[in-house]
Amino acid sequence: MKSKVDKFREREYMVPGVVKGLIHMFAVDKGTHDKRMVFDGSGSGLNATLWAPHFGLPTVRCTHRSLLRGYWQNDMDIGEMFLCF
């Protein structure tokens, strides 16, 4: 977990100074050898002030129906794009 926090500090997502807002974070397993940091914005009131529309993720069956011969799919881990808020 320390390495995850150090990475945040290196990228200046968190900087030393006066704390204006506090969001609790915890780790969950990501695969068998890694951890993912999860931010809980409910305690600070952040979740109540942000709005995000619900979107359902397609199932494999739905995705397969829309693929044609010669089409390609991609699996990207873009989780860090959400850390700059």
N, C-alpha and C. Protein backbone atom coordinates (compact mmCIF):
# COMPACT_ATOMS: atom_id res chain seq x y z
N MET A 1 0.83 -1.19 0.00
CA MET A 1 0.00 0.00 0.00
C MET A 1 0.88 1.25 0.00
N LYS A 2 2.00 1.20 0.71
CA LYS A 2 2.88 2.36 0.76
C LYS A 2 3.36 2.75 -0.63
N SER A 3 3.66 1.77 -1.46
CA SER A 3 4.13 2.09 -2.82
C SER A 3 3.05 2.80 -3.63
N LYS A 4 1.78 2.45 -3.39
CA LYS A 4 0.67 3.12 -4.08
C LYS A 4 0.57 4.58 -3.65
N VAL A 5 0.68 4.81 -2.35
CA VAL A 5 0.62 6.18 -1.84
C VAL A 5 1.82 6.99 -2.32
N ASP A 6 3.00 6.37 -2.33
CA ASP A 6 4.19 7.06 -2.83
C ASP A 6 4.02 7.47 -4.29
N LYS A 7 3.39 6.61 -5.08
CA LYS A 7 3.14 6.92 -6.49
C LYS A 7 2.21 8.14 -6.62
N PHE A 8 1.21 8.21 -5.75
CA PHE A 8 0.31 9.38 -5.74
C PHE A 8 1.08 10.65 -5.42
N ARG A 9 1.96 10.55 -4.43
CA ARG A 9 2.73 11.73 -4.03
C ARG A 9 3.69 12.17 -5.12
N GLU A 10 4.33 11.21 -5.80
CA GLU A 10 5.25 11.55 -6.89
C GLU A 10 4.53 12.29 -8.01
N ARG A 11 3.30 11.91 -8.28
CA ARG A 11 2.51 12.55 -9.34
C ARG A 11 1.78 13.79 -8.87
N GLU A 12 1.95 14.12 -7.60
CA GLU A 12 1.36 15.29 -6.96
C GLU A 12 -0.17 15.28 -6.99
N TYR A 13 -0.76 14.06 -6.90
CA TYR A 13 -2.20 13.95 -6.68
C TYR A 13 -2.51 14.34 -5.24
N MET A 14 -1.52 14.11 -4.35
CA MET A 14 -1.59 14.55 -2.96
C MET A 14 -0.31 15.32 -2.67
N VAL A 15 -0.44 16.43 -1.98
CA VAL A 15 0.73 17.23 -1.61
C VAL A 15 0.64 17.60 -0.13
N PRO A 16 1.78 17.83 0.51
CA PRO A 16 1.76 18.25 1.91
C PRO A 16 1.07 19.61 2.04
N GLY A 17 0.39 19.80 3.15
CA GLY A 17 -0.27 21.09 3.40
C GLY A 17 -1.50 20.91 4.25
N VAL A 18 -2.31 21.95 4.26
CA VAL A 18 -3.54 21.96 5.05
C VAL A 18 -4.56 21.02 4.39
N VAL A 19 -5.19 20.19 5.19
CA VAL A 19 -6.20 19.26 4.67
C VAL A 19 -7.53 19.99 4.59
N LYS A 20 -8.05 20.13 3.37
CA LYS A 20 -9.34 20.80 3.17
C LYS A 20 -10.46 19.79 2.99
N GLY A 21 -10.14 18.60 2.61
CA GLY A 21 -11.13 17.55 2.44
C GLY A 21 -10.47 16.21 2.71
N LEU A 22 -11.22 15.31 3.30
CA LEU A 22 -10.65 14.02 3.67
C LEU A 22 -11.48 12.92 3.03
N ILE A 23 -10.82 12.06 2.30
CA ILE A 23 -11.47 10.91 1.70
C ILE A 23 -10.72 9.67 2.17
N HIS A 24 -11.46 8.76 2.77
CA HIS A 24 -10.85 7.52 3.24
C HIS A 24 -10.55 6.62 2.05
N MET A 25 -9.48 5.86 2.17
CA MET A 25 -9.13 4.92 1.11
C MET A 25 -8.76 3.58 1.74
N PHE A 26 -8.96 2.54 0.96
CA PHE A 26 -8.60 1.20 1.42
C PHE A 26 -8.18 0.39 0.20
N ALA A 27 -7.57 -0.75 0.45
CA ALA A 27 -7.04 -1.57 -0.64
C ALA A 27 -7.91 -2.81 -0.83
N VAL A 28 -8.06 -3.20 -2.09
CA VAL A 28 -8.70 -4.46 -2.44
C VAL A 28 -7.75 -5.21 -3.36
N ASP A 29 -7.89 -6.52 -3.38
CA ASP A 29 -7.02 -7.33 -4.24
C ASP A 29 -7.31 -7.06 -5.70
N LYS A 30 -6.25 -6.96 -6.49
CA LYS A 30 -6.34 -6.82 -7.94
C LYS A 30 -5.52 -7.97 -8.51
N GLY A 31 -6.20 -9.03 -8.86
CA GLY A 31 -5.49 -10.23 -9.27
C GLY A 31 -4.91 -10.92 -8.05
N THR A 32 -3.82 -11.63 -8.26
CA THR A 32 -3.23 -12.38 -7.15
C THR A 32 -2.00 -11.70 -6.55
N HIS A 33 -1.44 -10.71 -7.25
CA HIS A 33 -0.19 -10.11 -6.77
C HIS A 33 -0.22 -8.60 -6.66
N ASP A 34 -1.38 -8.00 -6.74
CA ASP A 34 -1.44 -6.53 -6.72
C ASP A 34 -2.63 -6.08 -5.89
N LYS A 35 -2.62 -4.81 -5.54
CA LYS A 35 -3.71 -4.19 -4.79
C LYS A 35 -4.21 -2.99 -5.58
N ARG A 36 -5.49 -2.69 -5.43
CA ARG A 36 -6.09 -1.49 -6.02
C ARG A 36 -6.57 -0.60 -4.89
N MET A 37 -6.26 0.66 -4.98
CA MET A 37 -6.74 1.61 -3.98
C MET A 37 -8.15 2.03 -4.32
N VAL A 38 -9.02 2.00 -3.32
CA VAL A 38 -10.41 2.40 -3.50
C VAL A 38 -10.66 3.61 -2.61
N PHE A 39 -11.23 4.64 -3.19
CA PHE A 39 -11.54 5.85 -2.45
C PHE A 39 -13.00 5.85 -2.07
N ASP A 40 -13.30 6.06 -0.79
CA ASP A 40 -14.67 6.09 -0.30
C ASP A 40 -15.06 7.54 -0.08
N GLY A 41 -15.79 8.09 -1.04
CA GLY A 41 -16.20 9.49 -0.95
C GLY A 41 -17.48 9.71 -0.20
N SER A 42 -18.09 8.65 0.35
CA SER A 42 -19.38 8.81 1.03
C SER A 42 -19.24 9.52 2.37
N GLY A 43 -18.18 9.25 3.12
CA GLY A 43 -18.01 9.87 4.44
C GLY A 43 -17.74 11.36 4.39
N SER A 44 -17.13 11.83 3.31
CA SER A 44 -16.80 13.25 3.20
C SER A 44 -17.91 14.06 2.54
N GLY A 45 -18.92 13.39 2.02
CA GLY A 45 -19.99 14.08 1.31
C GLY A 45 -19.72 14.24 -0.18
N LEU A 46 -18.57 13.76 -0.65
CA LEU A 46 -18.22 13.89 -2.06
C LEU A 46 -19.22 13.18 -2.96
N ASN A 47 -19.60 11.96 -2.58
CA ASN A 47 -20.54 11.20 -3.41
C ASN A 47 -21.87 11.92 -3.58
N ALA A 48 -22.30 12.64 -2.54
CA ALA A 48 -23.58 13.33 -2.61
C ALA A 48 -23.53 14.54 -3.53
N THR A 49 -22.35 15.13 -3.73
CA THR A 49 -22.25 16.34 -4.56
C THR A 49 -21.90 16.05 -6.01
N LEU A 50 -21.34 14.87 -6.28
CA LEU A 50 -21.00 14.51 -7.65
C LEU A 50 -22.12 13.70 -8.27
N TRP A 51 -22.37 13.94 -9.53
CA TRP A 51 -23.40 13.18 -10.24
C TRP A 51 -22.74 12.43 -11.37
N ALA A 52 -23.06 11.19 -11.48
CA ALA A 52 -22.57 10.39 -12.60
C ALA A 52 -23.73 9.53 -13.07
N PRO A 53 -24.04 9.58 -14.35
CA PRO A 53 -25.14 8.76 -14.84
C PRO A 53 -24.79 7.28 -14.74
N HIS A 54 -25.79 6.48 -14.51
CA HIS A 54 -25.57 5.03 -14.46
C HIS A 54 -25.46 4.51 -15.89
N PHE A 55 -24.50 3.69 -16.11
CA PHE A 55 -24.41 3.05 -17.41
C PHE A 55 -24.13 1.57 -17.19
N GLY A 56 -24.90 0.75 -17.86
CA GLY A 56 -24.72 -0.69 -17.73
C GLY A 56 -23.63 -1.17 -18.66
N LEU A 57 -22.79 -2.04 -18.18
CA LEU A 57 -21.75 -2.61 -19.03
C LEU A 57 -22.34 -3.79 -19.81
N PRO A 58 -22.01 -3.91 -21.07
CA PRO A 58 -22.56 -5.01 -21.85
C PRO A 58 -21.98 -6.35 -21.41
N THR A 59 -22.77 -7.37 -21.57
CA THR A 59 -22.28 -8.71 -21.28
C THR A 59 -21.50 -9.22 -22.48
N VAL A 60 -20.79 -10.31 -22.30
CA VAL A 60 -20.03 -10.91 -23.40
C VAL A 60 -20.99 -11.29 -24.52
N ARG A 61 -22.15 -11.81 -24.17
CA ARG A 61 -23.13 -12.21 -25.18
C ARG A 61 -23.57 -11.01 -26.03
N CYS A 62 -23.85 -9.87 -25.38
CA CYS A 62 -24.25 -8.67 -26.14
C CYS A 62 -23.11 -8.18 -27.03
N THR A 63 -21.90 -8.19 -26.51
CA THR A 63 -20.76 -7.73 -27.29
C THR A 63 -20.51 -8.65 -28.47
N HIS A 64 -20.61 -9.94 -28.25
CA HIS A 64 -20.36 -10.92 -29.31
C HIS A 64 -21.35 -10.74 -30.47
N ARG A 65 -22.59 -10.39 -30.16
CA ARG A 65 -23.60 -10.20 -31.21
C ARG A 65 -23.24 -9.05 -32.14
N SER A 66 -22.53 -8.04 -31.63
CA SER A 66 -22.23 -6.87 -32.45
C SER A 66 -20.91 -6.99 -33.21
N LEU A 67 -20.16 -8.04 -32.97
CA LEU A 67 -18.88 -8.21 -33.67
C LEU A 67 -19.09 -8.91 -35.01
N LEU A 68 -18.40 -8.43 -36.00
CA LEU A 68 -18.43 -9.05 -37.31
C LEU A 68 -17.06 -9.64 -37.62
N ARG A 69 -16.99 -10.49 -38.61
CA ARG A 69 -15.72 -11.10 -39.00
C ARG A 69 -14.70 -10.00 -39.33
N GLY A 70 -13.51 -10.12 -38.79
CA GLY A 70 -12.47 -9.13 -39.02
C GLY A 70 -12.42 -8.02 -37.98
N TYR A 71 -13.42 -7.95 -37.07
CA TYR A 71 -13.41 -6.94 -36.01
C TYR A 71 -12.42 -7.35 -34.92
N TRP A 72 -11.88 -6.38 -34.22
CA TRP A 72 -10.95 -6.63 -33.12
C TRP A 72 -11.52 -6.00 -31.86
N GLN A 73 -11.16 -6.56 -30.71
CA GLN A 73 -11.52 -5.99 -29.43
C GLN A 73 -10.25 -5.69 -28.64
N ASN A 74 -10.38 -4.83 -27.64
CA ASN A 74 -9.24 -4.42 -26.84
C ASN A 74 -9.65 -4.36 -25.38
N ASP A 75 -8.76 -4.71 -24.50
CA ASP A 75 -8.99 -4.63 -23.06
C ASP A 75 -7.93 -3.69 -22.49
N MET A 76 -8.35 -2.53 -22.02
CA MET A 76 -7.41 -1.53 -21.50
C MET A 76 -7.70 -1.24 -20.03
N ASP A 77 -6.65 -1.11 -19.24
CA ASP A 77 -6.78 -0.72 -17.84
C ASP A 77 -6.54 0.78 -17.77
N ILE A 78 -7.59 1.55 -17.73
CA ILE A 78 -7.47 3.02 -17.72
C ILE A 78 -7.85 3.59 -16.35
N GLY A 79 -7.70 2.75 -15.32
CA GLY A 79 -8.10 3.15 -13.98
C GLY A 79 -7.46 4.42 -13.47
N GLU A 80 -6.20 4.69 -13.84
CA GLU A 80 -5.51 5.87 -13.31
C GLU A 80 -6.04 7.18 -13.87
N MET A 81 -6.81 7.13 -14.95
CA MET A 81 -7.34 8.37 -15.50
C MET A 81 -8.33 9.02 -14.52
N PHE A 82 -8.87 8.26 -13.59
CA PHE A 82 -9.84 8.79 -12.64
C PHE A 82 -9.18 9.39 -11.40
N LEU A 83 -7.86 9.36 -11.31
CA LEU A 83 -7.18 9.85 -10.11
C LEU A 83 -6.95 11.35 -10.13
N CYS A 84 -7.16 12.00 -11.23
CA CYS A 84 -6.95 13.45 -11.33
C CYS A 84 -8.26 14.18 -11.14
N PHE A 85 -8.82 14.12 -9.96
CA PHE A 85 -10.06 14.85 -9.72
C PHE A 85 -9.86 15.90 -8.66
